[in-house]
C-alpha atoms as a PDB file:
ATOM      1  CA  MET A   1     -35.738 107.145-136.089  1.00  0.00           C
ATOM      2  CA  SER A   2     -36.947 105.311-139.595  1.00  0.00           C
ATOM      3  CA  THR A   3     -40.386 106.143-140.842  1.00  0.00           C
ATOM      4  CA  THR A   4     -40.462 102.569-143.081  1.00  0.00           C
ATOM      5  CA  ALA A   5     -43.730 100.450-142.394  1.00  0.00           C
ATOM      6  CA  PRO A   6     -42.610  96.953-140.608  1.00  0.00           C
ATOM      7  CA  SER A   7     -41.941  94.418-144.095  1.00  0.00           C
ATOM      8  CA  PHE A   8     -42.758  90.238-144.129  1.00  0.00           C
ATOM      9  CA  GLU A   9     -39.833  90.296-146.504  1.00  0.00           C
ATOM     10  CA  GLU A  10     -37.161  90.973-142.872  1.00  0.00           C
ATOM     11  CA  TYR A  11     -38.824  87.566-141.047  1.00  0.00           C
ATOM     12  CA  ASP A  12     -39.196  83.842-141.578  1.00  0.00           C
ATOM     13  CA  PHE A  13     -43.222  84.158-141.162  1.00  0.00           C
ATOM     14  CA  ASP A  14     -46.062  85.558-143.597  1.00  0.00           C
ATOM     15  CA  ARG A  15     -49.318  87.237-143.245  1.00  0.00           C
ATOM     16  CA  GLY A  16     -52.191  83.768-142.809  1.00  0.00           C
ATOM     17  CA  ASP A  17     -48.968  81.577-141.362  1.00  0.00           C
ATOM     18  CA  HIS A  18     -49.629  79.234-138.484  1.00  0.00           C
ATOM     19  CA  VAL A  19     -47.066  80.082-136.166  1.00  0.00           C
ATOM     20  CA  ARG A  20     -46.397  79.333-132.873  1.00  0.00           C
ATOM     21  CA  VAL A  21     -45.670  82.082-130.458  1.00  0.00           C
ATOM     22  CA  ASP A  22     -42.615  81.620-126.961  1.00  0.00           C
ATOM     23  CA  TRP A  23     -45.030  83.381-124.401  1.00  0.00           C
ATOM     24  CA  THR A  24     -42.622  83.038-121.357  1.00  0.00           C
ATOM     25  CA  ASP A  25     -42.388  86.822-120.778  1.00  0.00           C
ATOM     26  CA  GLY A  26     -46.543  87.742-122.056  1.00  0.00           C
ATOM     27  CA  ASP A  27     -48.964  89.042-120.015  1.00  0.00           C
ATOM     28  CA  GLY A  28     -51.494  84.963-119.115  1.00  0.00           C
ATOM     29  CA  PRO A  29     -51.675  81.625-118.491  1.00  0.00           C
ATOM     30  CA  LEU A  30     -49.442  80.249-121.178  1.00  0.00           C
ATOM     31  CA  ASP A  31     -45.686  80.361-121.829  1.00  0.00           C
ATOM     32  CA  ALA A  32     -46.565  79.324-125.014  1.00  0.00           C
ATOM     33  CA  VAL A  33     -49.694  80.630-128.109  1.00  0.00           C
ATOM     34  CA  VAL A  34     -50.377  78.410-131.178  1.00  0.00           C
ATOM     35  CA  GLY A  35     -52.003  81.099-134.384  1.00  0.00           C
ATOM     36  CA  THR A  36     -52.395  82.858-137.043  1.00  0.00           C
ATOM     37  CA  VAL A  37     -50.603  85.687-138.374  1.00  0.00           C
ATOM     38  CA  ALA A  38     -52.497  88.438-138.753  1.00  0.00           C
ATOM     39  CA  GLU A  39     -50.734  92.080-138.844  1.00  0.00           C
ATOM     40  CA  ILE A  40     -47.385  93.896-138.651  1.00  0.00           C
ATOM     41  CA  SER A  41     -47.035  96.927-137.595  1.00  0.00           C
ATOM     42  CA  CYS A  42     -44.316  99.155-135.364  1.00  0.00           C
ATOM     43  CA  SER A  43     -45.361 101.050-132.217  1.00  0.00           C
ATOM     44  CA  GLY A  44     -42.990 103.446-129.966  1.00  0.00           C
ATOM     45  CA  GLY A  45     -39.825 102.473-132.241  1.00  0.00           C
ATOM     46  CA  ASN A  46     -40.768  98.485-131.903  1.00  0.00           C
ATOM     47  CA  VAL A  47     -42.076  95.884-134.032  1.00  0.00           C
ATOM     48  CA  ILE A  48     -45.445  93.840-133.194  1.00  0.00           C
ATOM     49  CA  VAL A  49     -46.457  90.988-134.717  1.00  0.00           C
ATOM     50  CA  SER A  50     -50.846  90.142-134.132  1.00  0.00           C
ATOM     51  CA  VAL A  51     -51.090  86.422-133.777  1.00  0.00           C
ATOM     52  CA  GLU A  52     -54.326  85.063-133.704  1.00  0.00           C
ATOM     53  CA  ALA A  53     -54.557  82.485-130.641  1.00  0.00           C
ATOM     54  CA  ASP A  54     -56.206  78.925-131.869  1.00  0.00           C
ATOM     55  CA  ASP A  55     -59.272  78.610-129.579  1.00  0.00           C
ATOM     56  CA  ASP A  56     -58.815  75.507-128.278  1.00  0.00           C
ATOM     57  CA  GLN A  57     -55.618  76.510-125.762  1.00  0.00           C
ATOM     58  CA  TYR A  58     -57.700  77.912-123.277  1.00  0.00           C
ATOM     59  CA  PRO A  59     -59.936  76.544-120.404  1.00  0.00           C
ATOM     60  CA  ASP A  60     -63.896  77.306-120.956  1.00  0.00           C
ATOM     61  CA  HIS A  61     -64.698  81.063-119.500  1.00  0.00           C
ATOM     62  CA  SER A  62     -61.264  81.896-120.160  1.00  0.00           C
ATOM     63  CA  ILE A  63     -60.493  86.230-120.317  1.00  0.00           C
ATOM     64  CA  TYR A  64     -57.523  85.216-122.613  1.00  0.00           C
ATOM     65  CA  GLY A  65     -57.966  84.315-126.475  1.00  0.00           C
ATOM     66  CA  GLY A  66     -58.221  86.325-129.415  1.00  0.00           C
ATOM     67  CA  THR A  67     -55.766  88.586-130.493  1.00  0.00           C
ATOM     68  CA  HIS A  68     -51.858  88.174-128.953  1.00  0.00           C
ATOM     69  CA  ASP A  69     -48.853  91.117-129.742  1.00  0.00           C
ATOM     70  CA  CYS A  70     -45.226  89.615-129.159  1.00  0.00           C
ATOM     71  CA  ALA A  71     -42.188  90.996-131.404  1.00  0.00           C
ATOM     72  CA  PRO A  72     -40.965  88.560-133.727  1.00  0.00           C
ATOM     73  CA  GLU A  73     -38.229  86.702-132.134  1.00  0.00           C
ATOM     74  CA  TRP A  74     -40.602  85.260-129.952  1.00  0.00           C
ATOM     75  CA  VAL A  75     -42.722  83.683-133.651  1.00  0.00           C
ATOM     76  CA  GLU A  76     -41.172  80.001-134.661  1.00  0.00           C
ATOM     77  CA  PRO A  77     -43.095  78.685-137.851  1.00  0.00           C
ATOM     78  CA  LEU A  78     -44.267  75.487-138.093  1.00  0.00           C
ATOM     79  CA  GLU A  79     -44.893  72.667-140.527  1.00  0.00           C
ATOM     80  CA  GLN A  80     -48.162  73.292-142.371  1.00  0.00           C
ATOM     81  CA  SER A  81     -48.996  70.206-143.607  1.00  0.00           C
END
């Protein structure tokens, strides 16, 4: 098992990028989450990307929101304006 920490250099996105996450395999009410990449880490040998979701995606008083952890292959960079 590799002890090297994952790096953003390996992916088409970076910390602070606005992205869309295909969340169909996630546990929540949305099939996609839009937000900002916060961190990349490794857990149990898997690379995990943390994305802080934009607040306007969830109904009022939703228990969801905040940061979503996902696989790097779920992350799609959005065009920056």
